[in-house]
Structure formats: C-alpha cells, structure tokens
N, C-alpha and C. Protein backbone atom coordinates (compact mmCIF):
# COMPACT_ATOMS: atom_id res chain seq x y z
N MET A 1 1.15 -1.17 -0.18
CA MET A 1 0.04 -0.42 -0.02
C MET A 1 0.91 1.37 -0.27
N SER A 2 0.74 2.11 -0.79
CA SER A 2 1.81 3.32 -1.06
C SER A 2 0.56 4.41 -0.47
N ILE A 3 1.84 5.11 0.03
CA ILE A 3 1.37 6.92 0.31
C ILE A 3 0.10 7.73 -0.37
N THR A 4 -0.55 8.19 0.02
CA THR A 4 -1.01 8.73 -1.30
C THR A 4 -0.83 9.57 -1.53
N SER A 5 -0.52 11.15 -0.15
CA SER A 5 -0.52 11.50 -0.23
C SER A 5 0.75 13.22 1.80
N ARG A 6 0.93 13.76 1.61
CA ARG A 6 1.80 14.05 2.40
C ARG A 6 1.47 15.32 3.01
N ILE A 7 0.87 16.40 3.78
CA ILE A 7 0.73 17.02 4.32
C ILE A 7 1.39 17.75 5.43
N ARG A 8 2.05 19.04 5.24
CA ARG A 8 2.75 20.13 6.02
C ARG A 8 2.06 21.78 6.94
N TYR A 9 2.42 21.27 7.59
CA TYR A 9 2.10 22.40 8.49
C TYR A 9 3.20 23.70 8.38
N ASP A 10 1.99 25.17 7.77
CA ASP A 10 2.46 25.62 7.07
C ASP A 10 2.93 26.69 8.17
N GLY A 11 2.33 26.70 8.86
CA GLY A 11 2.23 28.23 10.17
C GLY A 11 0.59 29.28 9.84
N SER A 12 0.19 29.58 10.54
CA SER A 12 -0.85 30.69 10.30
C SER A 12 -1.76 29.59 10.10
N LEU A 13 -1.95 28.26 10.50
CA LEU A 13 -3.34 27.92 10.01
C LEU A 13 -2.62 28.07 9.02
N ARG A 14 -2.07 27.93 7.81
CA ARG A 14 -2.24 26.56 6.85
C ARG A 14 -1.16 25.94 6.70
N THR A 15 -1.96 25.61 5.59
CA THR A 15 -1.01 24.24 5.24
C THR A 15 -1.02 23.46 4.13
N THR A 16 -0.27 22.93 4.00
CA THR A 16 0.21 22.33 2.42
C THR A 16 -0.18 21.24 1.78
N ALA A 17 -0.64 20.63 1.54
CA ALA A 17 -1.04 18.44 0.61
C ALA A 17 0.04 17.85 -0.92
N ILE A 18 0.63 17.43 -0.45
CA ILE A 18 0.90 17.51 -1.46
C ILE A 18 0.61 15.92 -1.67
N HIS A 19 -0.33 15.79 -3.15
CA HIS A 19 -0.19 13.71 -3.95
C HIS A 19 0.86 13.34 -4.54
N LEU A 20 1.26 12.75 -3.84
CA LEU A 20 3.06 12.06 -4.30
C LEU A 20 2.00 11.45 -5.74
N PRO A 21 0.82 10.77 -5.98
CA PRO A 21 1.53 9.97 -7.26
C PRO A 21 1.51 11.29 -8.65
N SER A 22 1.63 12.60 -8.47
CA SER A 22 1.25 13.07 -8.89
C SER A 22 2.25 14.53 -8.49
N ASN A 23 1.96 14.73 -7.25
CA ASN A 23 2.39 16.08 -7.30
C ASN A 23 2.00 17.12 -7.03
N ASN A 24 0.50 17.17 -7.95
CA ASN A 24 0.01 18.09 -7.58
C ASN A 24 -0.13 18.74 -5.65
N GLN A 25 -0.36 19.96 -5.81
CA GLN A 25 -0.40 20.61 -4.27
C GLN A 25 -1.78 21.37 -3.88
N ILE A 26 -2.47 20.97 -2.88
CA ILE A 26 -3.71 21.73 -2.44
C ILE A 26 -3.33 22.36 -0.95
N SER A 27 -3.06 23.30 -0.98
CA SER A 27 -3.30 24.75 0.38
C SER A 27 -4.62 24.56 0.72
N THR A 28 -5.18 24.99 2.12
CA THR A 28 -6.23 25.08 2.96
C THR A 28 -5.39 26.45 4.41
N ASP A 29 -6.03 26.70 4.04
CA ASP A 29 -6.21 27.89 5.28
C ASP A 29 -7.54 27.79 6.26
N ALA A 30 -8.38 27.33 8.05
CA ALA A 30 -8.93 27.98 8.43
C ALA A 30 -9.21 29.00 8.40
N PRO A 31 -10.96 28.34 8.55
CA PRO A 31 -11.54 29.87 8.22
C PRO A 31 -12.08 30.90 8.87
N LYS A 32 -12.69 32.55 8.47
CA LYS A 32 -12.89 33.51 8.97
C LYS A 32 -13.05 33.10 10.71
N ASP A 33 -14.12 31.88 10.59
CA ASP A 33 -15.24 31.96 12.24
C ASP A 33 -14.69 31.04 12.77
N ASN A 34 -13.23 30.69 12.41
CA ASN A 34 -12.97 29.72 13.27
C ASN A 34 -10.87 30.29 13.57
N HIS A 35 -11.04 31.44 13.55
CA HIS A 35 -9.81 31.92 13.81
C HIS A 35 -8.83 31.97 12.35
N GLY A 36 -9.00 32.07 11.60
CA GLY A 36 -8.50 32.17 9.80
C GLY A 36 -8.19 33.32 9.28
N ASN A 37 -8.66 32.56 8.15
CA ASN A 37 -8.06 33.85 6.88
C ASN A 37 -8.88 34.02 6.50
N GLY A 38 -9.40 32.74 5.63
CA GLY A 38 -10.50 32.10 4.84
C GLY A 38 -10.63 32.70 3.37
N ALA A 39 -9.08 32.13 3.56
CA ALA A 39 -7.69 32.82 2.17
C ALA A 39 -8.54 31.64 0.98
N LEU A 40 -8.22 30.64 1.26
CA LEU A 40 -7.85 29.28 0.86
C LEU A 40 -9.33 28.47 1.77
N PHE A 41 -9.48 27.54 0.02
CA PHE A 41 -10.23 26.10 0.99
C PHE A 41 -10.01 25.64 2.50
N SER A 42 -10.71 25.88 3.36
CA SER A 42 -10.64 25.27 4.85
C SER A 42 -11.16 23.46 4.55
N PRO A 43 -10.15 22.60 5.88
CA PRO A 43 -9.90 21.03 5.77
C PRO A 43 -11.50 21.19 5.85
N THR A 44 -12.26 21.95 6.41
CA THR A 44 -13.68 21.60 5.90
C THR A 44 -14.49 21.88 4.57
N ASP A 45 -14.36 23.15 4.10
CA ASP A 45 -14.73 23.40 2.29
C ASP A 45 -13.81 21.64 1.56
N LEU A 46 -12.86 21.38 1.72
CA LEU A 46 -12.80 20.47 1.12
C LEU A 46 -13.37 18.78 1.64
N ALA A 47 -14.02 18.45 2.33
CA ALA A 47 -14.76 17.05 3.36
C ALA A 47 -15.63 17.78 1.94
N ALA A 48 -16.36 18.61 2.50
CA ALA A 48 -17.79 18.72 1.61
C ALA A 48 -17.52 18.66 -0.02
N THR A 49 -16.68 19.42 -0.97
CA THR A 49 -16.33 19.93 -2.06
C THR A 49 -15.58 18.44 -3.22
N SER A 50 -15.62 17.04 -1.88
CA SER A 50 -14.98 15.87 -2.07
C SER A 50 -16.55 15.39 -2.58
N LEU A 51 -17.88 15.35 -1.74
CA LEU A 51 -18.87 15.38 -2.12
C LEU A 51 -19.30 15.09 -3.37
N GLY A 52 -18.87 16.40 -4.08
CA GLY A 52 -19.65 17.09 -5.54
C GLY A 52 -17.81 16.13 -6.46
N SER A 53 -17.25 16.63 -6.43
CA SER A 53 -16.00 16.00 -7.05
C SER A 53 -16.17 14.19 -7.10
N CYS A 54 -16.42 13.81 -6.03
CA CYS A 54 -16.82 12.30 -6.36
C CYS A 54 -17.33 12.59 -7.47
N MET A 55 -19.16 12.59 -6.63
CA MET A 55 -20.49 12.29 -7.46
C MET A 55 -20.75 12.52 -8.82
N LEU A 56 -19.84 14.20 -9.12
CA LEU A 56 -19.42 14.15 -10.84
C LEU A 56 -18.66 12.87 -10.97
N THR A 57 -17.70 12.55 -10.53
CA THR A 57 -16.43 11.35 -11.56
C THR A 57 -16.82 10.30 -11.39
N VAL A 58 -18.48 9.30 -10.85
CA VAL A 58 -18.67 8.46 -10.86
C VAL A 58 -20.06 8.41 -11.90
N MET A 59 -20.39 9.76 -12.16
CA MET A 59 -21.59 9.97 -13.48
C MET A 59 -21.24 9.95 -14.26
N GLY A 60 -19.71 10.75 -14.68
CA GLY A 60 -18.71 10.83 -15.57
C GLY A 60 -18.98 9.01 -16.21
N ILE A 61 -18.44 8.65 -15.07
CA ILE A 61 -18.17 6.81 -15.12
C ILE A 61 -19.14 6.15 -15.72
N ALA A 62 -20.20 6.99 -15.15
CA ALA A 62 -21.57 5.38 -15.36
C ALA A 62 -22.30 6.53 -17.61
N ALA A 63 -22.29 7.31 -17.33
CA ALA A 63 -22.26 8.18 -18.84
C ALA A 63 -21.76 6.80 -19.39
N ARG A 64 -20.60 6.80 -19.62
CA ARG A 64 -19.73 6.55 -20.50
C ARG A 64 -19.41 5.77 -20.53
N ASP A 65 -20.28 4.66 -19.33
CA ASP A 65 -20.14 3.05 -19.81
C ASP A 65 -21.22 2.86 -20.62
N ARG A 66 -22.35 4.15 -19.84
CA ARG A 66 -23.66 3.90 -21.13
C ARG A 66 -23.97 4.74 -22.07
N ASP A 67 -22.97 4.86 -22.82
CA ASP A 67 -23.25 5.99 -24.31
C ASP A 67 -24.08 7.63 -23.68
N ILE A 68 -24.47 8.19 -22.49
CA ILE A 68 -25.27 9.00 -22.10
C ILE A 68 -24.78 10.31 -22.41
N PRO A 69 -25.28 11.59 -22.69
CA PRO A 69 -24.10 12.88 -22.80
C PRO A 69 -24.00 12.95 -21.78
N PHE A 70 -22.97 13.37 -21.45
CA PHE A 70 -22.20 13.88 -20.07
C PHE A 70 -21.38 15.12 -20.75
N GLU A 71 -21.82 16.13 -21.04
CA GLU A 71 -21.42 17.25 -21.09
C GLU A 71 -21.22 18.53 -19.78
N HIS A 72 -22.83 18.72 -19.72
CA HIS A 72 -23.08 20.08 -19.12
C HIS A 72 -23.28 20.06 -18.04
N ILE A 73 -22.54 19.42 -17.42
CA ILE A 73 -22.97 19.63 -16.01
C ILE A 73 -21.97 19.94 -14.81
N GLU A 74 -22.35 20.47 -14.26
CA GLU A 74 -22.35 20.56 -12.59
C GLU A 74 -22.13 21.04 -11.14
N CYS A 75 -21.87 21.04 -10.21
CA CYS A 75 -22.84 21.58 -8.73
C CYS A 75 -22.16 22.12 -8.38
N SER A 76 -22.82 22.79 -7.38
CA SER A 76 -22.52 23.57 -6.31
C SER A 76 -22.85 23.14 -4.95
N ILE A 77 -22.15 23.45 -4.01
CA ILE A 77 -21.80 23.08 -2.33
C ILE A 77 -22.32 23.96 -1.44
N THR A 78 -22.81 23.78 -0.57
CA THR A 78 -22.71 24.35 0.47
C THR A 78 -22.56 24.26 1.42
N LYS A 79 -21.74 24.20 2.76
CA LYS A 79 -21.55 23.27 3.47
C LYS A 79 -22.15 23.96 5.01
N ILE A 80 -23.42 22.78 6.17
CA ILE A 80 -22.98 24.11 7.47
C ILE A 80 -22.51 23.05 8.13
N MET A 81 -21.94 23.57 9.31
CA MET A 81 -21.33 23.53 10.02
C MET A 81 -22.80 23.70 11.61
N ALA A 82 -21.85 23.12 12.34
CA ALA A 82 -22.87 22.58 13.71
C ALA A 82 -21.42 22.91 14.99
N SER A 83 -22.31 23.58 15.80
CA SER A 83 -20.42 23.07 17.11
C SER A 83 -21.51 22.22 18.45
N GLY A 84 -20.71 22.18 19.58
CA GLY A 84 -20.70 21.25 20.00
C GLY A 84 -20.59 19.06 20.07
N PRO A 85 -19.41 18.94 19.36
CA PRO A 85 -18.29 20.02 19.17
C PRO A 85 -18.48 20.10 17.19
N ARG A 86 -17.74 20.75 16.69
CA ARG A 86 -17.59 21.62 15.70
C ARG A 86 -17.33 20.66 14.52
N ARG A 87 -18.67 20.62 13.72
CA ARG A 87 -18.30 19.88 12.72
C ARG A 87 -19.47 19.76 11.61
N ILE A 88 -19.03 19.83 10.69
CA ILE A 88 -19.95 19.62 9.71
C ILE A 88 -21.23 19.20 9.38
N SER A 89 -21.98 19.91 9.54
CA SER A 89 -23.69 19.28 10.00
C SER A 89 -24.23 18.71 9.00
N GLU A 90 -24.66 19.40 7.39
CA GLU A 90 -24.83 19.46 6.40
C GLU A 90 -24.16 19.17 4.82
N ILE A 91 -23.99 19.20 3.97
CA ILE A 91 -23.50 19.11 2.28
C ILE A 91 -24.77 19.35 2.04
N HIS A 92 -24.95 20.52 1.00
CA HIS A 92 -25.82 20.52 0.22
C HIS A 92 -25.38 20.96 -1.36
N VAL A 93 -25.66 19.86 -2.29
CA VAL A 93 -25.44 19.58 -3.11
C VAL A 93 -26.31 20.09 -4.67
N ARG A 94 -26.20 21.19 -4.86
CA ARG A 94 -27.33 21.15 -5.85
C ARG A 94 -26.31 21.03 -7.89
N MET A 95 -27.23 19.88 -8.37
CA MET A 95 -26.41 19.58 -9.86
C MET A 95 -27.57 20.63 -10.36
N GLU A 96 -26.67 21.51 -11.01
CA GLU A 96 -26.94 22.40 -12.68
C GLU A 96 -27.14 20.91 -14.20
N VAL A 97 -28.23 20.47 -14.55
CA VAL A 97 -27.83 19.66 -15.21
C VAL A 97 -28.48 19.55 -16.64
N ASP A 98 -27.86 19.94 -17.55
CA ASP A 98 -28.29 21.32 -18.67
C ASP A 98 -28.06 20.14 -20.55
N GLN A 99 -28.56 18.76 -20.12
CA GLN A 99 -28.54 17.68 -20.53
C GLN A 99 -30.04 17.01 -21.06
N GLN A 100 -30.46 16.49 -22.54
CA GLN A 100 -31.39 15.45 -22.79
C GLN A 100 -31.44 14.24 -21.84
N TRP A 101 -31.69 14.05 -20.91
CA TRP A 101 -32.21 13.00 -21.06
C TRP A 101 -33.02 12.13 -21.09
N THR A 102 -33.62 10.57 -20.79
CA THR A 102 -34.26 10.73 -20.54
C THR A 102 -35.01 10.04 -19.70
N THR A 103 -36.12 9.87 -19.01
CA THR A 103 -36.36 9.56 -17.37
C THR A 103 -35.44 8.76 -16.68
N ASP A 104 -35.17 6.80 -17.67
CA ASP A 104 -34.82 6.45 -17.14
C ASP A 104 -33.07 6.37 -17.21
N GLN A 105 -32.53 7.43 -17.43
CA GLN A 105 -30.93 7.72 -17.59
C GLN A 105 -31.11 9.04 -16.35
N LYS A 106 -32.41 10.20 -16.05
CA LYS A 106 -32.46 10.71 -15.22
C LYS A 106 -31.55 9.60 -14.06
N GLU A 107 -32.45 8.81 -13.83
CA GLU A 107 -32.79 8.03 -12.69
C GLU A 107 -31.22 7.57 -12.33
N ILE A 108 -30.74 6.51 -13.14
CA ILE A 108 -29.88 6.20 -13.45
C ILE A 108 -28.45 7.60 -12.59
N MET A 109 -28.75 8.45 -13.26
CA MET A 109 -27.48 9.08 -12.92
C MET A 109 -27.81 9.75 -11.42
N GLU A 110 -29.06 10.11 -10.83
CA GLU A 110 -29.24 10.13 -9.71
C GLU A 110 -28.32 9.19 -8.70
N ARG A 111 -29.12 7.71 -9.04
CA ARG A 111 -29.12 6.76 -8.38
C ARG A 111 -26.99 6.58 -7.72
N VAL A 112 -26.35 6.10 -9.07
CA VAL A 112 -25.04 6.53 -8.63
C VAL A 112 -24.54 8.45 -8.16
N ALA A 113 -24.99 8.98 -9.02
CA ALA A 113 -24.01 10.04 -7.33
C ALA A 113 -24.91 10.16 -6.14
N VAL A 114 -25.54 9.72 -5.32
CA VAL A 114 -25.82 9.31 -4.02
C VAL A 114 -25.35 8.31 -3.51
N THR A 115 -24.86 7.41 -4.13
CA THR A 115 -24.01 6.03 -4.18
C THR A 115 -22.24 6.44 -3.84
N CYS A 116 -22.35 7.75 -4.50
CA CYS A 116 -20.66 7.35 -4.77
C CYS A 116 -19.62 7.03 -3.38
N PRO A 117 -19.11 6.80 -3.63
CA PRO A 117 -17.59 6.56 -2.54
C PRO A 117 -17.03 7.70 -1.24
N VAL A 118 -17.61 8.79 -2.23
CA VAL A 118 -17.83 10.09 -0.45
C VAL A 118 -18.75 9.55 0.11
N ALA A 119 -20.33 9.48 -0.27
CA ALA A 119 -20.90 10.05 0.15
C ALA A 119 -20.82 8.86 0.96
N ASN A 120 -20.99 7.56 0.92
CA ASN A 120 -20.68 6.00 1.56
C ASN A 120 -18.99 5.91 2.65
N SER A 121 -18.70 7.65 2.00
CA SER A 121 -18.46 6.66 3.57
C SER A 121 -18.20 8.09 4.50
N LEU A 122 -18.64 9.53 4.31
CA LEU A 122 -19.57 9.66 5.31
C LEU A 122 -19.66 9.89 6.58
N ASN A 123 -19.69 10.66 7.82
CA ASN A 123 -19.94 9.83 8.98
C ASN A 123 -22.14 10.00 8.42
N PRO A 124 -23.02 9.33 8.85
CA PRO A 124 -24.39 9.14 8.45
C PRO A 124 -25.00 10.20 9.93
N SER A 125 -24.49 10.93 10.60
CA SER A 125 -25.17 11.90 10.14
C SER A 125 -24.88 13.05 10.01
N ILE A 126 -23.74 13.43 8.82
CA ILE A 126 -23.96 14.59 8.40
C ILE A 126 -25.17 14.38 6.98
N LYS A 127 -25.85 15.33 7.20
CA LYS A 127 -26.81 15.58 6.22
C LYS A 127 -26.59 15.33 4.68
N GLN A 128 -27.05 14.80 3.82
CA GLN A 128 -26.42 15.19 2.33
C GLN A 128 -27.51 15.53 1.65
N ASN A 129 -28.26 16.32 0.71
CA ASN A 129 -29.00 16.62 0.52
C ASN A 129 -28.67 17.49 -1.37
N VAL A 130 -29.00 16.55 -1.48
CA VAL A 130 -28.95 16.81 -2.90
C VAL A 130 -29.57 16.66 -4.21
N THR A 131 -30.13 18.16 -4.85
CA THR A 131 -30.93 18.21 -6.21
C THR A 131 -29.83 18.31 -7.23
N PHE A 132 -31.43 17.54 -7.93
CA PHE A 132 -31.40 17.51 -9.19
C PHE A 132 -32.05 18.99 -10.24
N ASN A 133 -31.52 19.48 -10.64
CA ASN A 133 -32.46 21.06 -11.93
C ASN A 133 -31.34 20.82 -12.93
N TYR A 134 -33.01 20.41 -13.68
CA TYR A 134 -32.45 20.22 -15.37
C TYR A 134 -32.92 20.58 -16.08
N SER A 135 -32.23 21.53 -16.77
CA SER A 135 -32.49 22.53 -17.94
C SER A 135 -33.29 22.56 -19.13
N GLU A 136 -34.49 21.93 -18.87
CA GLU A 136 -34.42 21.34 -20.56
C GLU A 136 -36.00 22.49 -21.45
C-alpha cells in the first residue's frame, strides 16, 4: 500500500498537501469563523467539495459506460457547520444538468451520484441534501 499524500503545517493555520503520485498541491487555510483568514479552502470545505467532485466523477463513469451524454454538468456545494463539537452537519449539493436525458437516464445518474464512494464514506450524521436541476 503506497502513501497517497503528505501534508505539512505551514504556520498561521495553513497547510499544504502534496498528492504524491502526481506532485499536485492543495493548500488550506482556517476559515474566518475559526480563527483563520479564509483565503483558501478550509479542510471542511475540501471534505464537502469532495462529495460533489466524487458524484460528478462516478456520474461521468456511468455516462461513459452507458453512452449517456455528459458534457454540461456542474454542481454547487453548501456546507453547514455545527458546534459542540465543531463539525460538518449538512452538505447541500445542487446539480445543474444541461442535458437531454430520458427518465431512465436521470434515474440511473441520480442513483449513481448519491451512492458515490465519498457519500458512502461520510459519517451518517452528516445530512446530504442532493437536488438535481434539469434545464430542458
């Protein structure tokens, strides 16, 4: 089993993560509501954003494998925090789909999205509110 990433603390509540297989980097900053500058993604922003990214990725795989058109899709993420202890309590994912899908294709793609690996890995106490907005 190989190491996925290495993370260093840069000071001033910032970190830099290096994806070892590609050498790509992501930096984080504590959010303003938790003593930071909010100048970069926070670690909890990345956790919430990972949900949407994972959904789009597995939907892309499903679309490719089933010849479903998949060019005009994006999503927005809203992260809701709670306290006692501080944690993500809800993640709202709004999928914007500008594709002409059949009812069956919509059902397949929606099911694939909400069962992505990140969705299945998050603590069940985190409410995942996923909506699909079809512009037809």
